[in-house]
């Protein structure tokens, strides 16, 4: 009877152990499934955030390009105006200088004429 009881107890323990391992396997599968779902959800959220950031960056870049173009146009206009004013001043200076040189040459010629007589 002791032997029969021991065999029966061993069988029950063996069945209990098999059930416990089976239950652990099921729990591991559920945990793996949950982890997979969480990873998938996280990757979707990350992809969505990345797309939004890319769109915002594109809009900001476009606005910056427009502002840069406007600033470049204004700078070119100012440079053109300054160049025009400088050219007028240079022309006026050349005109005055030429007149002065011509006057000096005329005086020099008159002196040379007086000396030559």
PDB file of N, CA and C in Angstrom:
ATOM      1  N   UNK A   1       0.803  -1.175   0.000  1.00  0.00           N
ATOM      2  CA  UNK A   1       0.000   0.000   0.000  1.00  0.00           C
ATOM      3  C   UNK A   1       0.865   1.265   0.000  1.00  0.00           C
ATOM      4  N   UNK A   2       1.929   1.237   0.734  1.00  0.00           N
ATOM      5  CA  UNK A   2       2.842   2.362   0.740  1.00  0.00           C
ATOM      6  C   UNK A   2       3.403   2.605  -0.657  1.00  0.00           C
ATOM      7  N   UNK A   3       3.724   1.594  -1.336  1.00  0.00           N
ATOM      8  CA  UNK A   3       4.289   1.712  -2.670  1.00  0.00           C
ATOM      9  C   UNK A   3       3.242   2.273  -3.620  1.00  0.00           C
ATOM     10  N   UNK A   4       2.030   1.776  -3.496  1.00  0.00           N
ATOM     11  CA  UNK A   4       0.968   2.255  -4.357  1.00  0.00           C
ATOM     12  C   UNK A   4       0.714   3.747  -4.104  1.00  0.00           C
ATOM     13  N   UNK A   5       0.723   4.122  -2.837  1.00  0.00           N
ATOM     14  CA  UNK A   5       0.503   5.525  -2.474  1.00  0.00           C
ATOM     15  C   UNK A   5       1.644   6.411  -3.004  1.00  0.00           C
ATOM     16  N   UNK A   6       2.854   5.922  -2.906  1.00  0.00           N
ATOM     17  CA  UNK A   6       4.030   6.658  -3.376  1.00  0.00           C
ATOM     18  C   UNK A   6       3.973   6.839  -4.892  1.00  0.00           C
ATOM     19  N   UNK A   7       3.578   5.785  -5.592  1.00  0.00           N
ATOM     20  CA  UNK A   7       3.478   5.864  -7.050  1.00  0.00           C
ATOM     21  C   UNK A   7       2.375   6.841  -7.434  1.00  0.00           C
ATOM     22  N   UNK A   8       1.257   6.760  -6.702  1.00  0.00           N
ATOM     23  CA  UNK A   8       0.159   7.665  -6.991  1.00  0.00           C
ATOM     24  C   UNK A   8       0.565   9.113  -6.696  1.00  0.00           C
ATOM     25  N   UNK A   9       1.251   9.335  -5.604  1.00  0.00           N
ATOM     26  CA  UNK A   9       1.711  10.677  -5.233  1.00  0.00           C
ATOM     27  C   UNK A   9       2.714  11.198  -6.266  1.00  0.00           C
ATOM     28  N   UNK A  10       3.593  10.335  -6.722  1.00  0.00           N
ATOM     29  CA  UNK A  10       4.570  10.721  -7.747  1.00  0.00           C
ATOM     30  C   UNK A  10       3.854  11.081  -9.042  1.00  0.00           C
ATOM     31  N   UNK A  11       2.825  10.329  -9.388  1.00  0.00           N
ATOM     32  CA  UNK A  11       2.050  10.618 -10.597  1.00  0.00           C
ATOM     33  C   UNK A  11       1.336  11.949 -10.500  1.00  0.00           C
ATOM     34  N   UNK A  12       0.757  12.216  -9.334  1.00  0.00           N
ATOM     35  CA  UNK A  12       0.057  13.490  -9.133  1.00  0.00           C
ATOM     36  C   UNK A  12       1.052  14.641  -9.208  1.00  0.00           C
ATOM     37  N   UNK A  13       2.201  14.490  -8.566  1.00  0.00           N
ATOM     38  CA  UNK A  13       3.232  15.539  -8.606  1.00  0.00           C
ATOM     39  C   UNK A  13       3.746  15.764 -10.030  1.00  0.00           C
ATOM     40  N   UNK A  14       3.921  14.674 -10.753  1.00  0.00           N
ATOM     41  CA  UNK A  14       4.382  14.776 -12.144  1.00  0.00           C
ATOM     42  C   UNK A  14       3.343  15.498 -12.998  1.00  0.00           C
ATOM     43  N   UNK A  15       2.070  15.185 -12.817  1.00  0.00           N
ATOM     44  CA  UNK A  15       0.994  15.835 -13.572  1.00  0.00           C
ATOM     45  C   UNK A  15       0.909  17.315 -13.202  1.00  0.00           C
ATOM     46  N   UNK A  16       1.059  17.583 -11.906  1.00  0.00           N
ATOM     47  CA  UNK A  16       1.029  18.962 -11.432  1.00  0.00           C
ATOM     48  C   UNK A  16       2.193  19.774 -12.023  1.00  0.00           C
ATOM     49  N   UNK A  17       3.363  19.158 -12.075  1.00  0.00           N
ATOM     50  CA  UNK A  17       4.538  19.830 -12.650  1.00  0.00           C
ATOM     51  C   UNK A  17       4.328  20.089 -14.137  1.00  0.00           C
ATOM     52  N   UNK A  18       3.775  19.113 -14.844  1.00  0.00           N
ATOM     53  CA  UNK A  18       3.518  19.279 -16.277  1.00  0.00           C
ATOM     54  C   UNK A  18       2.505  20.391 -16.502  1.00  0.00           C
ATOM     55  N   UNK A  19       1.469  20.442 -15.670  1.00  0.00           N
ATOM     56  CA  UNK A  19       0.468  21.496 -15.780  1.00  0.00           C
ATOM     57  C   UNK A  19       1.088  22.876 -15.508  1.00  0.00           C
ATOM     58  N   UNK A  20       1.941  22.932 -14.489  1.00  0.00           N
ATOM     59  CA  UNK A  20       2.594  24.201 -14.137  1.00  0.00           C
ATOM     60  C   UNK A  20       3.481  24.678 -15.283  1.00  0.00           C
ATOM     61  N   UNK A  21       4.257  23.768 -15.862  1.00  0.00           N
ATOM     62  CA  UNK A  21       5.105  24.152 -16.997  1.00  0.00           C
ATOM     63  C   UNK A  21       4.269  24.581 -18.198  1.00  0.00           C
ATOM     64  N   UNK A  22       3.163  23.892 -18.397  1.00  0.00           N
ATOM     65  CA  UNK A  22       2.259  24.264 -19.498  1.00  0.00           C
ATOM     66  C   UNK A  22       1.673  25.637 -19.279  1.00  0.00           C
ATOM     67  N   UNK A  23       1.300  25.924 -18.053  1.00  0.00           N
ATOM     68  CA  UNK A  23       0.747  27.235 -17.714  1.00  0.00           C
ATOM     69  C   UNK A  23       1.814  28.328 -17.897  1.00  0.00           C
ATOM     70  N   UNK A  24       3.040  28.034 -17.500  1.00  0.00           N
ATOM     71  CA  UNK A  24       4.130  28.998 -17.653  1.00  0.00           C
ATOM     72  C   UNK A  24       4.375  29.283 -19.135  1.00  0.00           C
ATOM     73  N   UNK A  25       4.289  28.264 -19.956  1.00  0.00           N
ATOM     74  CA  UNK A  25       4.472  28.453 -21.396  1.00  0.00           C
ATOM     75  C   UNK A  25       3.395  29.348 -21.975  1.00  0.00           C
ATOM     76  N   UNK A  26       2.148  29.150 -21.530  1.00  0.00           N
ATOM     77  CA  UNK A  26       1.043  29.981 -21.994  1.00  0.00           C
ATOM     78  C   UNK A  26       1.247  31.434 -21.564  1.00  0.00           C
ATOM     79  N   UNK A  27       1.671  31.601 -20.320  1.00  0.00           N
ATOM     80  CA  UNK A  27       1.919  32.965 -19.821  1.00  0.00           C
ATOM     81  C   UNK A  27       3.058  33.638 -20.596  1.00  0.00           C
ATOM     82  N   UNK A  28       4.088  32.889 -20.929  1.00  0.00           N
ATOM     83  CA  UNK A  28       5.214  33.437 -21.700  1.00  0.00           C
ATOM     84  C   UNK A  28       4.747  33.856 -23.094  1.00  0.00           C
ATOM     85  N   UNK A  29       3.869  33.032 -23.692  1.00  0.00           N
ATOM     86  CA  UNK A  29       3.348  33.366 -25.012  1.00  0.00           C
ATOM     87  C   UNK A  29       2.513  34.640 -24.944  1.00  0.00           C
ATOM     88  N   UNK A  30       1.677  34.762 -23.915  1.00  0.00           N
ATOM     89  CA  UNK A  30       0.873  35.978 -23.757  1.00  0.00           C
ATOM     90  C   UNK A  30       1.762  37.197 -23.560  1.00  0.00           C
ATOM     91  N   UNK A  31       2.811  37.036 -22.753  1.00  0.00           N
ATOM     92  CA  UNK A  31       3.728  38.152 -22.512  1.00  0.00           C
ATOM     93  C   UNK A  31       4.442  38.553 -23.799  1.00  0.00           C
ATOM     94  N   UNK A  32       4.838  37.567 -24.574  1.00  0.00           N
ATOM     95  CA  UNK A  32       5.501  37.860 -25.849  1.00  0.00           C
ATOM     96  C   UNK A  32       4.547  38.563 -26.805  1.00  0.00           C
ATOM     97  N   UNK A  33       3.314  38.119 -26.853  1.00  0.00           N
ATOM     98  CA  UNK A  33       2.307  38.761 -27.705  1.00  0.00           C
ATOM     99  C   UNK A  33       2.081  40.210 -27.265  1.00  0.00           C
ATOM    100  N   UNK A  34       1.971  40.409 -25.933  1.00  0.00           N
ATOM    101  CA  UNK A  34       1.769  41.761 -25.412  1.00  0.00           C
ATOM    102  C   UNK A  34       2.963  42.658 -25.757  1.00  0.00           C
ATOM    103  N   UNK A  35       4.162  42.114 -25.629  1.00  0.00           N
ATOM    104  CA  UNK A  35       5.367  42.888 -25.956  1.00  0.00           C
ATOM    105  C   UNK A  35       5.394  43.235 -27.440  1.00  0.00           C
ATOM    106  N   UNK A  36       5.029  42.273 -28.264  1.00  0.00           N
ATOM    107  CA  UNK A  36       4.987  42.526 -29.708  1.00  0.00           C
ATOM    108  C   UNK A  36       3.987  43.611 -30.054  1.00  0.00           C
ATOM    109  N   UNK A  37       2.813  43.564 -29.416  1.00  0.00           N
ATOM    110  CA  UNK A  37       1.786  44.582 -29.679  1.00  0.00           C
ATOM    111  C   UNK A  37       2.259  45.951 -29.201  1.00  0.00           C
ATOM    112  N   UNK A  38       2.868  45.993 -28.032  1.00  0.00           N
ATOM    113  CA  UNK A  38       3.367  47.268 -27.510  1.00  0.00           C
ATOM    114  C   UNK A  38       4.457  47.842 -28.409  1.00  0.00           C
ATOM    115  N   UNK A  39       5.325  46.980 -28.906  1.00  0.00           N
ATOM    116  CA  UNK A  39       6.386  47.427 -29.810  1.00  0.00           C
ATOM    117  C   UNK A  39       5.791  47.969 -31.106  1.00  0.00           C
ATOM    118  N   UNK A  40       4.789  47.285 -31.631  1.00  0.00           N
ATOM    119  CA  UNK A  40       4.134  47.717 -32.866  1.00  0.00           C
ATOM    120  C   UNK A  40       3.465  49.080 -32.663  1.00  0.00           C
ATOM    121  N   UNK A  41       2.742  49.221 -31.524  1.00  0.00           N
ATOM    122  CA  UNK A  41       2.086  50.504 -31.230  1.00  0.00           C
ATOM    123  C   UNK A  41       3.111  51.622 -31.070  1.00  0.00           C
ATOM    124  N   UNK A  42       4.205  51.333 -30.392  1.00  0.00           N
ATOM    125  CA  UNK A  42       5.248  52.349 -30.192  1.00  0.00           C
ATOM    126  C   UNK A  42       5.871  52.753 -31.522  1.00  0.00           C
ATOM    127  N   UNK A  43       6.094  51.802 -32.402  1.00  0.00           N
ATOM    128  CA  UNK A  43       6.693  52.136 -33.703  1.00  0.00           C
ATOM    129  C   UNK A  43       5.729  52.969 -34.543  1.00  0.00           C
ATOM    130  N   UNK A  44       4.422  52.690 -34.437  1.00  0.00           N
ATOM    131  CA  UNK A  44       3.442  53.509 -35.164  1.00  0.00           C
ATOM    132  C   UNK A  44       3.447  54.939 -34.645  1.00  0.00           C
ATOM    133  N   UNK A  45       3.495  55.086 -33.299  1.00  0.00           N
ATOM    134  CA  UNK A  45       3.526  56.425 -32.707  1.00  0.00           C
ATOM    135  C   UNK A  45       4.793  57.179 -33.120  1.00  0.00           C
ATOM    136  N   UNK A  46       5.912  56.474 -33.109  1.00  0.00           N
ATOM    137  CA  UNK A  46       7.177  57.094 -33.500  1.00  0.00           C
ATOM    138  C   UNK A  46       7.140  57.522 -34.965  1.00  0.00           C
ATOM    139  N   UNK A  47       6.605  56.661 -35.816  1.00  0.00           N
ATOM    140  CA  UNK A  47       6.508  56.991 -37.242  1.00  0.00           C
ATOM    141  C   UNK A  47       5.611  58.205 -37.449  1.00  0.00           C
ATOM    142  N   UNK A  48       4.511  58.265 -36.729  1.00  0.00           N
ATOM    143  CA  UNK A  48       3.592  59.400 -36.851  1.00  0.00           C
ATOM    144  C   UNK A  48       4.268  60.690 -36.401  1.00  0.00           C
ATOM    145  N   UNK A  49       4.973  60.640 -35.278  1.00  0.00           N
ATOM    146  CA  UNK A  49       5.671  61.828 -34.772  1.00  0.00           C
ATOM    147  C   UNK A  49       6.774  62.269 -35.729  1.00  0.00           C
ATOM    148  N   UNK A  50       7.476  61.308 -36.296  1.00  0.00           N
ATOM    149  CA  UNK A  50       8.546  61.626 -37.248  1.00  0.00           C
ATOM    150  C   UNK A  50       7.968  62.294 -38.487  1.00  0.00           C
ATOM    151  N   UNK A  51       6.842  61.795 -38.970  1.00  0.00           N
ATOM    152  CA  UNK A  51       6.200  62.381 -40.148  1.00  0.00           C
ATOM    153  C   UNK A  51       5.770  63.813 -39.859  1.00  0.00           C
ATOM    154  N   UNK A  52       5.161  64.044 -38.679  1.00  0.00           N
ATOM    155  CA  UNK A  52       4.736  65.401 -38.311  1.00  0.00           C
ATOM    156  C   UNK A  52       5.940  66.339 -38.241  1.00  0.00           C
ATOM    157  N   UNK A  53       7.023  65.861 -37.653  1.00  0.00           N
ATOM    158  CA  UNK A  53       8.231  66.686 -37.532  1.00  0.00           C
ATOM    159  C   UNK A  53       8.800  67.021 -38.905  1.00  0.00           C
ATOM    160  N   UNK A  54       8.777  66.059 -39.805  1.00  0.00           N
ATOM    161  CA  UNK A  54       9.289  66.289 -41.155  1.00  0.00           C
ATOM    162  C   UNK A  54       8.445  67.326 -41.893  1.00  0.00           C
ATOM    163  N   UNK A  55       7.132  67.244 -41.727  1.00  0.00           N
ATOM    164  CA  UNK A  55       6.238  68.210 -42.372  1.00  0.00           C
ATOM    165  C   UNK A  55       6.497  69.610 -41.809  1.00  0.00           C
ATOM    166  N   UNK A  56       6.612  69.710 -40.479  1.00  0.00           N
ATOM    167  CA  UNK A  56       6.872  71.011 -39.858  1.00  0.00           C
ATOM    168  C   UNK A  56       8.222  71.571 -40.305  1.00  0.00           C
ATOM    169  N   UNK A  57       9.212  70.702 -40.404  1.00  0.00           N
ATOM    170  CA  UNK A  57      10.537  71.137 -40.856  1.00  0.00           C
ATOM    171  C   UNK A  57      10.464  71.640 -42.292  1.00  0.00           C
ATOM    172  N   UNK A  58       9.703  70.954 -43.119  1.00  0.00           N
ATOM    173  CA  UNK A  58       9.536  71.379 -44.508  1.00  0.00           C
ATOM    174  C   UNK A  58       8.895  72.750 -44.603  1.00  0.00           C
ATOM    175  N   UNK A  59       7.859  72.978 -43.800  1.00  0.00           N
ATOM    176  CA  UNK A  59       7.189  74.289 -43.806  1.00  0.00           C
ATOM    177  C   UNK A  59       8.135  75.381 -43.318  1.00  0.00           C
ATOM    178  N   UNK A  60       8.868  75.094 -42.264  1.00  0.00           N
ATOM    179  CA  UNK A  60       9.803  76.081 -41.714  1.00  0.00           C
ATOM    180  C   UNK A  60      10.909  76.400 -42.716  1.00  0.00           C
ATOM    181  N   UNK A  61      11.385  75.377 -43.411  1.00  0.00           N
ATOM    182  CA  UNK A  61      12.435  75.586 -44.414  1.00  0.00           C
ATOM    183  C   UNK A  61      11.909  76.449 -45.554  1.00  0.00           C
ATOM    184  N   UNK A  62      10.676  76.196 -45.977  1.00  0.00           N
ATOM    185  CA  UNK A  62      10.083  76.972 -47.061  1.00  0.00           C
ATOM    186  C   UNK A  62       9.938  78.438 -46.648  1.00  0.00           C
ATOM    187  N   UNK A  63       9.458  78.677 -45.416  1.00  0.00           N
ATOM    188  CA  UNK A  63       9.311  80.050 -44.931  1.00  0.00           C
ATOM    189  C   UNK A  63      10.667  80.741 -44.843  1.00  0.00           C
ATOM    190  N   UNK A  64      11.657  80.022 -44.363  1.00  0.00           N
ATOM    191  CA  UNK A  64      12.999  80.595 -44.247  1.00  0.00           C
ATOM    192  C   UNK A  64      13.559  80.950 -45.624  1.00  0.00           C
ATOM    193  N   UNK A  65      13.297  80.103 -46.599  1.00  0.00           N
ATOM    194  CA  UNK A  65      13.781  80.364 -47.960  1.00  0.00           C
ATOM    195  C   UNK A  65      13.127  81.623 -48.528  1.00  0.00           C
ATOM    196  N   UNK A  66      11.833  81.788 -48.272  1.00  0.00           N
ATOM    197  CA  UNK A  66      11.114  82.977 -48.755  1.00  0.00           C
ATOM    198  C   UNK A  66      11.693  84.228 -48.091  1.00  0.00           C
ATOM    199  N   UNK A  67      11.903  84.155 -46.771  1.00  0.00           N
ATOM    200  CA  UNK A  67      12.466  85.307 -46.055  1.00  0.00           C
ATOM    201  C   UNK A  67      13.872  85.625 -46.547  1.00  0.00           C
ATOM    202  N   UNK A  68      14.657  84.594 -46.808  1.00  0.00           N
ATOM    203  CA  UNK A  68      16.011  84.803 -47.317  1.00  0.00           C
ATOM    204  C   UNK A  68      15.964  85.461 -48.691  1.00  0.00           C
ATOM    205  N   UNK A  69      15.047  85.015 -49.526  1.00  0.00           N
ATOM    206  CA  UNK A  69      14.899  85.618 -50.855  1.00  0.00           C
ATOM    207  C   UNK A  69      14.503  87.080 -50.763  1.00  0.00           C
ATOM    208  N   UNK A  70      13.564  87.398 -49.860  1.00  0.00           N
ATOM    209  CA  UNK A  70      13.138  88.792 -49.681  1.00  0.00           C
ATOM    210  C   UNK A  70      14.296  89.650 -49.189  1.00  0.00           C
ATOM    211  N   UNK A  71      15.040  89.140 -48.219  1.00  0.00           N
ATOM    212  CA  UNK A  71      16.166  89.895 -47.682  1.00  0.00           C
ATOM    213  C   UNK A  71      17.252  90.104 -48.740  1.00  0.00           C
ATOM    214  N   UNK A  72      17.479  89.092 -49.551  1.00  0.00           N
ATOM    215  CA  UNK A  72      18.480  89.198 -50.611  1.00  0.00           C
ATOM    216  C   UNK A  72      18.048  90.238 -51.641  1.00  0.00           C
ATOM    217  N   UNK A  73      16.772  90.258 -51.966  1.00  0.00           N
ATOM    218  CA  UNK A  73      16.259  91.240 -52.927  1.00  0.00           C
ATOM    219  C   UNK A  73      16.416  92.662 -52.388  1.00  0.00           C
ATOM    220  N   UNK A  74      16.081  92.871 -51.117  1.00  0.00           N
ATOM    221  CA  UNK A  74      16.232  94.191 -50.509  1.00  0.00           C
ATOM    222  C   UNK A  74      17.696  94.619 -50.492  1.00  0.00           C
ATOM    223  N   UNK A  75      18.578  93.685 -50.152  1.00  0.00           N
ATOM    224  CA  UNK A  75      20.006  93.995 -50.115  1.00  0.00           C
ATOM    225  C   UNK A  75      20.514  94.350 -51.515  1.00  0.00           C
ATOM    226  N   UNK A  76      20.041  93.645 -52.518  1.00  0.00           N
ATOM    227  CA  UNK A  76      20.456  93.928 -53.891  1.00  0.00           C
ATOM    228  C   UNK A  76      19.971  95.316 -54.326  1.00  0.00           C
ATOM    229  N   UNK A  77      18.739  95.675 -53.929  1.00  0.00           N
ATOM    230  CA  UNK A  77      18.222  97.006 -54.260  1.00  0.00           C
ATOM    231  C   UNK A  77      19.074  98.092 -53.606  1.00  0.00           C
ATOM    232  N   UNK A  78      19.400  97.911 -52.331  1.00  0.00           N
ATOM    233  CA  UNK A  78      20.219  98.892 -51.619  1.00  0.00           C
ATOM    234  C   UNK A  78      21.609  98.996 -52.238  1.00  0.00           C
ATOM    235  N   UNK A  79      22.171  97.850 -52.606  1.00  0.00           N
ATOM    236  CA  UNK A  79      23.495  97.851 -53.234  1.00  0.00           C
ATOM    237  C   UNK A  79      23.447  98.569 -54.576  1.00  0.00           C
ATOM    238  N   UNK A  80      22.390  98.331 -55.334  1.00  0.00           N
ATOM    239  CA  UNK A  80      22.237  99.008 -56.626  1.00  0.00           C
ATOM    240  C   UNK A  80      22.115 100.512 -56.456  1.00  0.00           C
ATOM    241  N   UNK A  81      21.323 100.955 -55.475  1.00  0.00           N
ATOM    242  CA  UNK A  81      21.171 102.395 -55.220  1.00  0.00           C
ATOM    243  C   UNK A  81      22.507 103.009 -54.801  1.00  0.00           C
ATOM    244  N   UNK A  82      23.213 102.335 -53.918  1.00  0.00           N
ATOM    245  CA  UNK A  82      24.503 102.848 -53.457  1.00  0.00           C
ATOM    246  C   UNK A  82      25.513 102.912 -54.606  1.00  0.00           C
ATOM    247  N   UNK A  83      25.486 101.913 -55.458  1.00  0.00           N
ATOM    248  CA  UNK A  83      26.402 101.895 -56.608  1.00  0.00           C
ATOM    249  C   UNK A  83      26.084 103.048 -57.557  1.00  0.00           C
ATOM    250  N   UNK A  84      24.803 103.302 -57.774  1.00  0.00           N
ATOM    251  CA  UNK A  84      24.395 104.405 -58.644  1.00  0.00           C
ATOM    252  C   UNK A  84      24.857 105.741 -58.075  1.00  0.00           C
ATOM    253  N   UNK A  85      24.659 105.965 -56.778  1.00  0.00           N
ATOM    254  CA  UNK A  85      25.094 107.210 -56.140  1.00  0.00           C
ATOM    255  C   UNK A  85      26.607 107.362 -56.223  1.00  0.00           C
ATOM    256  N   UNK A  86      27.327 106.262 -55.984  1.00  0.00           N
ATOM    257  CA  UNK A  86      28.789 106.316 -56.046  1.00  0.00           C
ATOM    258  C   UNK A  86      29.254 106.644 -57.458  1.00  0.00           C
ATOM    259  N   UNK A  87      28.580 106.098 -58.456  1.00  0.00           N
ATOM    260  CA  UNK A  87      28.951 106.376 -59.843  1.00  0.00           C
ATOM    261  C   UNK A  87      28.725 107.852 -60.177  1.00  0.00           C
ATOM    262  N   UNK A  88      27.609 108.429 -59.705  1.00  0.00           N
ATOM    263  CA  UNK A  88      27.341 109.848 -59.953  1.00  0.00           C
ATOM    264  C   UNK A  88      28.404 110.713 -59.296  1.00  0.00           C
ATOM    265  N   UNK A  89      28.756 110.375 -58.035  1.00  0.00           N
ATOM    266  CA  UNK A  89      29.784 111.147 -57.333  1.00  0.00           C
ATOM    267  C   UNK A  89      31.129 111.026 -58.034  1.00  0.00           C
ATOM    268  N   UNK A  90      31.426 109.820 -58.497  1.00  0.00           N
ATOM    269  CA  UNK A  90      32.687 109.610 -59.214  1.00  0.00           C
ATOM    270  C   UNK A  90      32.704 110.428 -60.499  1.00  0.00           C
ATOM    271  N   UNK A  91      31.607 110.416 -61.233  1.00  0.00           N
ATOM    272  CA  UNK A  91      31.518 111.205 -62.473  1.00  0.00           C
ATOM    273  C   UNK A  91      31.678 112.691 -62.198  1.00  0.00           C
ATOM    274  N   UNK A  92      31.034 113.170 -61.124  1.00  0.00           N
ATOM    275  CA  UNK A  92      31.139 114.587 -60.766  1.00  0.00           C
ATOM    276  C   UNK A  92      32.588 114.932 -60.397  1.00  0.00           C
ATOM    277  N   UNK A  93      33.241 114.040 -59.654  1.00  0.00           N
ATOM    278  CA  UNK A  93      34.638 114.261 -59.270  1.00  0.00           C
ATOM    279  C   UNK A  93      35.553 114.259 -60.476  1.00  0.00           C
ATOM    280  N   UNK A  94      35.322 113.360 -61.398  1.00  0.00           N
ATOM    281  CA  UNK A  94      36.141 113.306 -62.616  1.00  0.00           C
ATOM    282  C   UNK A  94      35.948 114.583 -63.428  1.00  0.00           C
ATOM    283  N   UNK A  95      34.704 115.054 -63.505  1.00  0.00           N
ATOM    284  CA  UNK A  95      34.412 116.274 -64.252  1.00  0.00           C
ATOM    285  C   UNK A  95      35.163 117.464 -63.634  1.00  0.00           C
ATOM    286  N   UNK A  96      35.093 117.600 -62.295  1.00  0.00           N
ATOM    287  CA  UNK A  96      35.784 118.699 -61.619  1.00  0.00           C
ATOM    288  C   UNK A  96      37.291 118.593 -61.801  1.00  0.00           C
ATOM    289  N   UNK A  97      37.799 117.346 -61.678  1.00  0.00           N
ATOM    290  CA  UNK A  97      39.242 117.137 -61.833  1.00  0.00           C
ATOM    291  C   UNK A  97      39.701 117.472 -63.237  1.00  0.00           C
ATOM    292  N   UNK A  98      38.922 117.076 -64.207  1.00  0.00           N
ATOM    293  CA  UNK A  98      39.282 117.362 -65.611  1.00  0.00           C
ATOM    294  C   UNK A  98      39.291 118.863 -65.862  1.00  0.00           C
ATOM    295  N   UNK A  99      38.294 119.540 -65.293  1.00  0.00           N
ATOM    296  CA  UNK A  99      38.211 120.996 -65.455  1.00  0.00           C
ATOM    297  C   UNK A  99      39.435 121.657 -64.819  1.00  0.00           C
ATOM    298  N   UNK A 100      39.809 121.190 -63.637  1.00  0.00           N
ATOM    299  CA  UNK A 100      40.967 121.754 -62.944  1.00  0.00           C
ATOM    300  C   UNK A 100      42.246 121.481 -63.722  1.00  0.00           C
ATOM    301  N   UNK A 101      42.381 120.282 -64.231  1.00  0.00           N
ATOM    302  CA  UNK A 101      43.576 119.943 -65.012  1.00  0.00           C
ATOM    303  C   UNK A 101      43.619 120.787 -66.280  1.00  0.00           C
ATOM    304  N   UNK A 102      42.481 120.929 -66.919  1.00  0.00           N
ATOM    305  CA  UNK A 102      42.418 121.763 -68.135  1.00  0.00           C
ATOM    306  C   UNK A 102      42.795 123.196 -67.835  1.00  0.00           C
ATOM    307  N   UNK A 103      42.313 123.733 -66.704  1.00  0.00           N
ATOM    308  CA  UNK A 103      42.641 125.103 -66.308  1.00  0.00           C
ATOM    309  C   UNK A 103      44.141 125.235 -66.043  1.00  0.00           C
ATOM    310  N   UNK A 104      44.720 124.200 -65.381  1.00  0.00           N
ATOM    311  CA  UNK A 104      46.169 124.212 -65.114  1.00  0.00           C
ATOM    312  C   UNK A 104      46.969 124.148 -66.391  1.00  0.00           C
ATOM    313  N   UNK A 105      46.535 123.363 -67.330  1.00  0.00           N
ATOM    314  CA  UNK A 105      47.248 123.248 -68.611  1.00  0.00           C
ATOM    315  C   UNK A 105      47.169 124.573 -69.364  1.00  0.00           C
ATOM    316  N   UNK A 106      46.014 125.216 -69.319  1.00  0.00           N
ATOM    317  CA  UNK A 106      45.837 126.497 -70.007  1.00  0.00           C
ATOM    318  C   UNK A 106      46.782 127.531 -69.415  1.00  0.00           C
ATOM    319  N   UNK A 107      46.867 127.599 -68.070  1.00  0.00           N
ATOM    320  CA  UNK A 107      47.759 128.559 -67.425  1.00  0.00           C
ATOM    321  C   UNK A 107      49.204 128.267 -67.782  1.00  0.00           C
ATOM    322  N   UNK A 108      49.534 126.948 -67.760  1.00  0.00           N
ATOM    323  CA  UNK A 108      50.908 126.557 -68.103  1.00  0.00           C
ATOM    324  C   UNK A 108      51.235 126.942 -69.533  1.00  0.00           C
ATOM    325  N   UNK A 109      50.297 126.817 -70.424  1.00  0.00           N
ATOM    326  CA  UNK A 109      50.514 127.157 -71.832  1.00  0.00           C
ATOM    327  C   UNK A 109      50.701 128.657 -71.986  1.00  0.00           C
ATOM    328  N   UNK A 110      49.914 129.430 -71.225  1.00  0.00           N
ATOM    329  CA  UNK A 110      50.050 130.889 -71.291  1.00  0.00           C
ATOM    330  C   UNK A 110      51.409 131.319 -70.791  1.00  0.00           C
ATOM    331  N   UNK A 111      51.884 130.695 -69.713  1.00  0.00           N
ATOM    332  CA  UNK A 111      53.207 131.027 -69.168  1.00  0.00           C
ATOM    333  C   UNK A 111      54.282 130.638 -70.176  1.00  0.00           C
ATOM    334  N   UNK A 112      54.096 129.473 -70.775  1.00  0.00           N
ATOM    335  CA  UNK A 112      55.083 129.046 -71.772  1.00  0.00           C
ATOM    336  C   UNK A 112      55.080 130.005 -72.937  1.00  0.00           C
ATOM    337  N   UNK A 113      53.954 130.506 -73.335  1.00  0.00           N
ATOM    338  CA  UNK A 113      53.849 131.445 -74.454  1.00  0.00           C
ATOM    339  C   UNK A 113      54.566 132.749 -74.103  1.00  0.00           C
ATOM    340  N   UNK A 114      54.353 133.220 -72.842  1.00  0.00           N
ATOM    341  CA  UNK A 114      54.986 134.447 -72.409  1.00  0.00           C
ATOM    342  C   UNK A 114      56.530 134.286 -72.413  1.00  0.00           C
ATOM    343  N   UNK A 115      56.978 133.172 -71.953  1.00  0.00           N
ATOM    344  CA  UNK A 115      58.407 132.925 -71.881  1.00  0.00           C
ATOM    345  C   UNK A 115      58.984 132.816 -73.290  1.00  0.00           C
ATOM    346  N   UNK A 116      58.246 132.222 -74.179  1.00  0.00           N
ATOM    347  CA  UNK A 116      58.739 131.996 -75.535  1.00  0.00           C
ATOM    348  C   UNK A 116      58.807 133.296 -76.302  1.00  0.00           C
ATOM    349  N   UNK A 117      58.078 134.325 -75.974  1.00  0.00           N
ATOM    350  CA  UNK A 117      58.089 135.582 -76.711  1.00  0.00           C
ATOM    351  C   UNK A 117      59.303 136.326 -76.457  1.00  0.00           C
TER     352      UNK A 117
END
